[in-house]
Amino acid sequence: MVIEKDIKIAYNRITMNEKNNHKKYHIVTMGCQMNKSDSERIATIFEQYNCISTDDWKDADFIIMNT
């Protein structure tokens, strides 16, 4: 899955100079049911990097808009 590579690159750039590795992510999903499934897969990848989901996009280090 290409998105996994992109998440890894973005995660490494954000955490390069920071000691706290528990970053937050927010996913906005629009469109069909397959987008919901893809968003769940994306969330799983973020969780593998010890990221935490947040309902408030203002608190997120990563914001994903899946359309």
N, C-alpha and C. Protein backbone atom coordinates (compact mmCIF):
# COMPACT_ATOMS: atom_id res chain seq x y z
N MET A 1 0.85 -1.18 0.00
CA MET A 1 0.00 0.00 0.00
C MET A 1 0.89 1.24 0.00
N VAL A 2 0.74 2.07 -0.97
CA VAL A 2 1.59 3.25 -1.13
C VAL A 2 1.45 4.19 0.05
N ILE A 3 0.27 4.33 0.59
CA ILE A 3 0.04 5.28 1.69
C ILE A 3 0.92 4.96 2.89
N GLU A 4 1.22 3.69 3.12
CA GLU A 4 2.06 3.32 4.26
C GLU A 4 3.44 3.96 4.15
N LYS A 5 4.01 3.95 2.97
CA LYS A 5 5.31 4.58 2.74
C LYS A 5 5.22 6.09 2.98
N ASP A 6 4.16 6.72 2.50
CA ASP A 6 3.99 8.16 2.68
C ASP A 6 3.84 8.53 4.15
N ILE A 7 3.11 7.73 4.91
CA ILE A 7 2.94 7.98 6.34
C ILE A 7 4.28 7.85 7.04
N LYS A 8 5.05 6.85 6.69
CA LYS A 8 6.36 6.65 7.32
C LYS A 8 7.27 7.85 7.06
N ILE A 9 7.30 8.35 5.84
CA ILE A 9 8.12 9.52 5.51
C ILE A 9 7.67 10.74 6.31
N ALA A 10 6.37 11.00 6.34
CA ALA A 10 5.85 12.16 7.07
C ALA A 10 6.12 12.03 8.56
N TYR A 11 5.91 10.84 9.10
CA TYR A 11 6.14 10.60 10.52
C TYR A 11 7.60 10.85 10.88
N ASN A 12 8.50 10.34 10.08
CA ASN A 12 9.93 10.52 10.35
C ASN A 12 10.33 11.98 10.29
N ARG A 13 9.76 12.74 9.38
CA ARG A 13 10.07 14.17 9.29
C ARG A 13 9.58 14.93 10.51
N ILE A 14 8.39 14.61 10.98
CA ILE A 14 7.82 15.33 12.12
C ILE A 14 8.53 14.96 13.42
N THR A 15 8.92 13.72 13.59
CA THR A 15 9.49 13.27 14.86
C THR A 15 11.01 13.34 14.90
N MET A 16 11.65 13.78 13.82
CA MET A 16 13.09 13.76 13.74
C MET A 16 13.77 14.48 14.92
N ASN A 17 13.25 15.62 15.31
CA ASN A 17 13.88 16.40 16.37
C ASN A 17 13.07 16.46 17.65
N GLU A 18 12.10 15.58 17.79
CA GLU A 18 11.24 15.61 18.97
C GLU A 18 11.38 14.32 19.77
N LYS A 19 11.28 14.46 21.08
CA LYS A 19 11.42 13.30 21.96
C LYS A 19 10.10 12.57 22.17
N ASN A 20 9.00 13.27 22.13
CA ASN A 20 7.68 12.66 22.33
C ASN A 20 7.21 12.02 21.03
N ASN A 21 7.15 10.70 20.99
CA ASN A 21 6.77 10.00 19.78
C ASN A 21 5.28 9.74 19.67
N HIS A 22 4.49 10.16 20.64
CA HIS A 22 3.05 9.92 20.60
C HIS A 22 2.36 11.08 19.90
N LYS A 23 2.39 11.04 18.59
CA LYS A 23 1.75 12.07 17.78
C LYS A 23 0.27 11.74 17.62
N LYS A 24 -0.51 12.77 17.29
CA LYS A 24 -1.95 12.60 17.12
C LYS A 24 -2.32 12.74 15.65
N TYR A 25 -3.33 11.99 15.25
CA TYR A 25 -3.82 12.08 13.88
C TYR A 25 -5.33 12.24 13.87
N HIS A 26 -5.82 12.85 12.82
CA HIS A 26 -7.26 13.04 12.62
C HIS A 26 -7.57 12.68 11.18
N ILE A 27 -8.56 11.84 10.98
CA ILE A 27 -8.95 11.42 9.64
C ILE A 27 -10.37 11.89 9.35
N VAL A 28 -10.54 12.59 8.23
CA VAL A 28 -11.85 13.00 7.74
C VAL A 28 -12.15 12.12 6.53
N THR A 29 -13.27 11.40 6.59
CA THR A 29 -13.63 10.49 5.51
C THR A 29 -14.91 10.97 4.83
N MET A 30 -14.85 11.12 3.51
CA MET A 30 -16.02 11.51 2.73
C MET A 30 -16.17 10.55 1.56
N GLY A 31 -17.38 10.33 1.16
CA GLY A 31 -17.60 9.50 -0.02
C GLY A 31 -18.17 8.13 0.31
N CYS A 32 -17.76 7.17 -0.47
CA CYS A 32 -18.37 5.83 -0.42
C CYS A 32 -17.85 4.99 0.76
N GLN A 33 -18.43 3.82 0.90
CA GLN A 33 -18.09 2.89 1.98
C GLN A 33 -16.64 2.41 1.87
N MET A 34 -16.11 2.33 0.67
CA MET A 34 -14.71 1.90 0.50
C MET A 34 -13.76 2.93 1.12
N ASN A 35 -14.14 4.20 1.09
CA ASN A 35 -13.31 5.22 1.73
C ASN A 35 -13.27 5.00 3.24
N LYS A 36 -14.36 4.59 3.81
CA LYS A 36 -14.41 4.28 5.25
C LYS A 36 -13.44 3.15 5.56
N SER A 37 -13.45 2.13 4.72
CA SER A 37 -12.54 1.00 4.90
C SER A 37 -11.09 1.45 4.77
N ASP A 38 -10.81 2.28 3.78
CA ASP A 38 -9.45 2.79 3.59
C ASP A 38 -9.00 3.62 4.79
N SER A 39 -9.90 4.41 5.34
CA SER A 39 -9.56 5.23 6.51
C SER A 39 -9.22 4.36 7.71
N GLU A 40 -9.93 3.25 7.86
CA GLU A 40 -9.62 2.32 8.94
C GLU A 40 -8.24 1.71 8.76
N ARG A 41 -7.88 1.42 7.52
CA ARG A 41 -6.54 0.88 7.24
C ARG A 41 -5.47 1.93 7.53
N ILE A 42 -5.75 3.17 7.16
CA ILE A 42 -4.80 4.26 7.43
C ILE A 42 -4.62 4.43 8.94
N ALA A 43 -5.72 4.38 9.69
CA ALA A 43 -5.64 4.50 11.15
C ALA A 43 -4.78 3.40 11.75
N THR A 44 -4.90 2.19 11.21
CA THR A 44 -4.09 1.07 11.70
C THR A 44 -2.60 1.34 11.49
N ILE A 45 -2.26 1.92 10.37
CA ILE A 45 -0.86 2.26 10.10
C ILE A 45 -0.36 3.30 11.10
N PHE A 46 -1.15 4.34 11.34
CA PHE A 46 -0.76 5.35 12.32
C PHE A 46 -0.56 4.73 13.70
N GLU A 47 -1.44 3.82 14.08
CA GLU A 47 -1.34 3.20 15.39
C GLU A 47 -0.09 2.32 15.51
N GLN A 48 0.36 1.77 14.40
CA GLN A 48 1.61 1.01 14.42
C GLN A 48 2.81 1.91 14.74
N TYR A 49 2.66 3.20 14.48
CA TYR A 49 3.70 4.18 14.80
C TYR A 49 3.43 4.86 16.16
N ASN A 50 2.58 4.24 16.97
CA ASN A 50 2.23 4.75 18.30
C ASN A 50 1.55 6.11 18.26
N CYS A 51 0.87 6.41 17.19
CA CYS A 51 0.09 7.64 17.10
C CYS A 51 -1.28 7.42 17.74
N ILE A 52 -1.88 8.51 18.17
CA ILE A 52 -3.16 8.46 18.87
C ILE A 52 -4.19 9.24 18.06
N SER A 53 -5.36 8.67 17.89
CA SER A 53 -6.45 9.33 17.18
C SER A 53 -7.01 10.47 18.03
N THR A 54 -7.36 11.57 17.38
CA THR A 54 -8.02 12.68 18.06
C THR A 54 -9.24 13.11 17.27
N ASP A 55 -10.30 13.49 17.97
CA ASP A 55 -11.51 13.97 17.32
C ASP A 55 -11.41 15.44 16.93
N ASP A 56 -10.46 16.15 17.53
CA ASP A 56 -10.29 17.58 17.26
C ASP A 56 -9.12 17.78 16.31
N TRP A 57 -9.39 18.21 15.10
CA TRP A 57 -8.33 18.36 14.11
C TRP A 57 -7.28 19.38 14.53
N LYS A 58 -7.66 20.31 15.41
CA LYS A 58 -6.71 21.33 15.86
C LYS A 58 -5.61 20.73 16.73
N ASP A 59 -5.87 19.59 17.34
CA ASP A 59 -4.87 18.91 18.19
C ASP A 59 -3.99 17.94 17.39
N ALA A 60 -4.31 17.72 16.13
CA ALA A 60 -3.63 16.69 15.34
C ALA A 60 -2.30 17.17 14.76
N ASP A 61 -1.33 16.26 14.78
CA ASP A 61 -0.07 16.49 14.09
C ASP A 61 -0.20 16.11 12.61
N PHE A 62 -1.09 15.15 12.33
CA PHE A 62 -1.39 14.70 10.97
C PHE A 62 -2.88 14.84 10.74
N ILE A 63 -3.26 15.42 9.62
CA ILE A 63 -4.67 15.51 9.23
C ILE A 63 -4.80 14.87 7.85
N ILE A 64 -5.62 13.82 7.78
CA ILE A 64 -5.84 13.10 6.54
C ILE A 64 -7.26 13.36 6.07
N MET A 65 -7.41 13.81 4.82
CA MET A 65 -8.73 13.97 4.22
C MET A 65 -8.85 12.90 3.14
N ASN A 66 -9.65 11.90 3.41
CA ASN A 66 -9.83 10.78 2.50
C ASN A 66 -11.14 10.96 1.73
N THR A 67 -11.01 11.20 0.42
CA THR A 67 -12.20 11.41 -0.41
C THR A 67 -12.24 10.43 -1.56
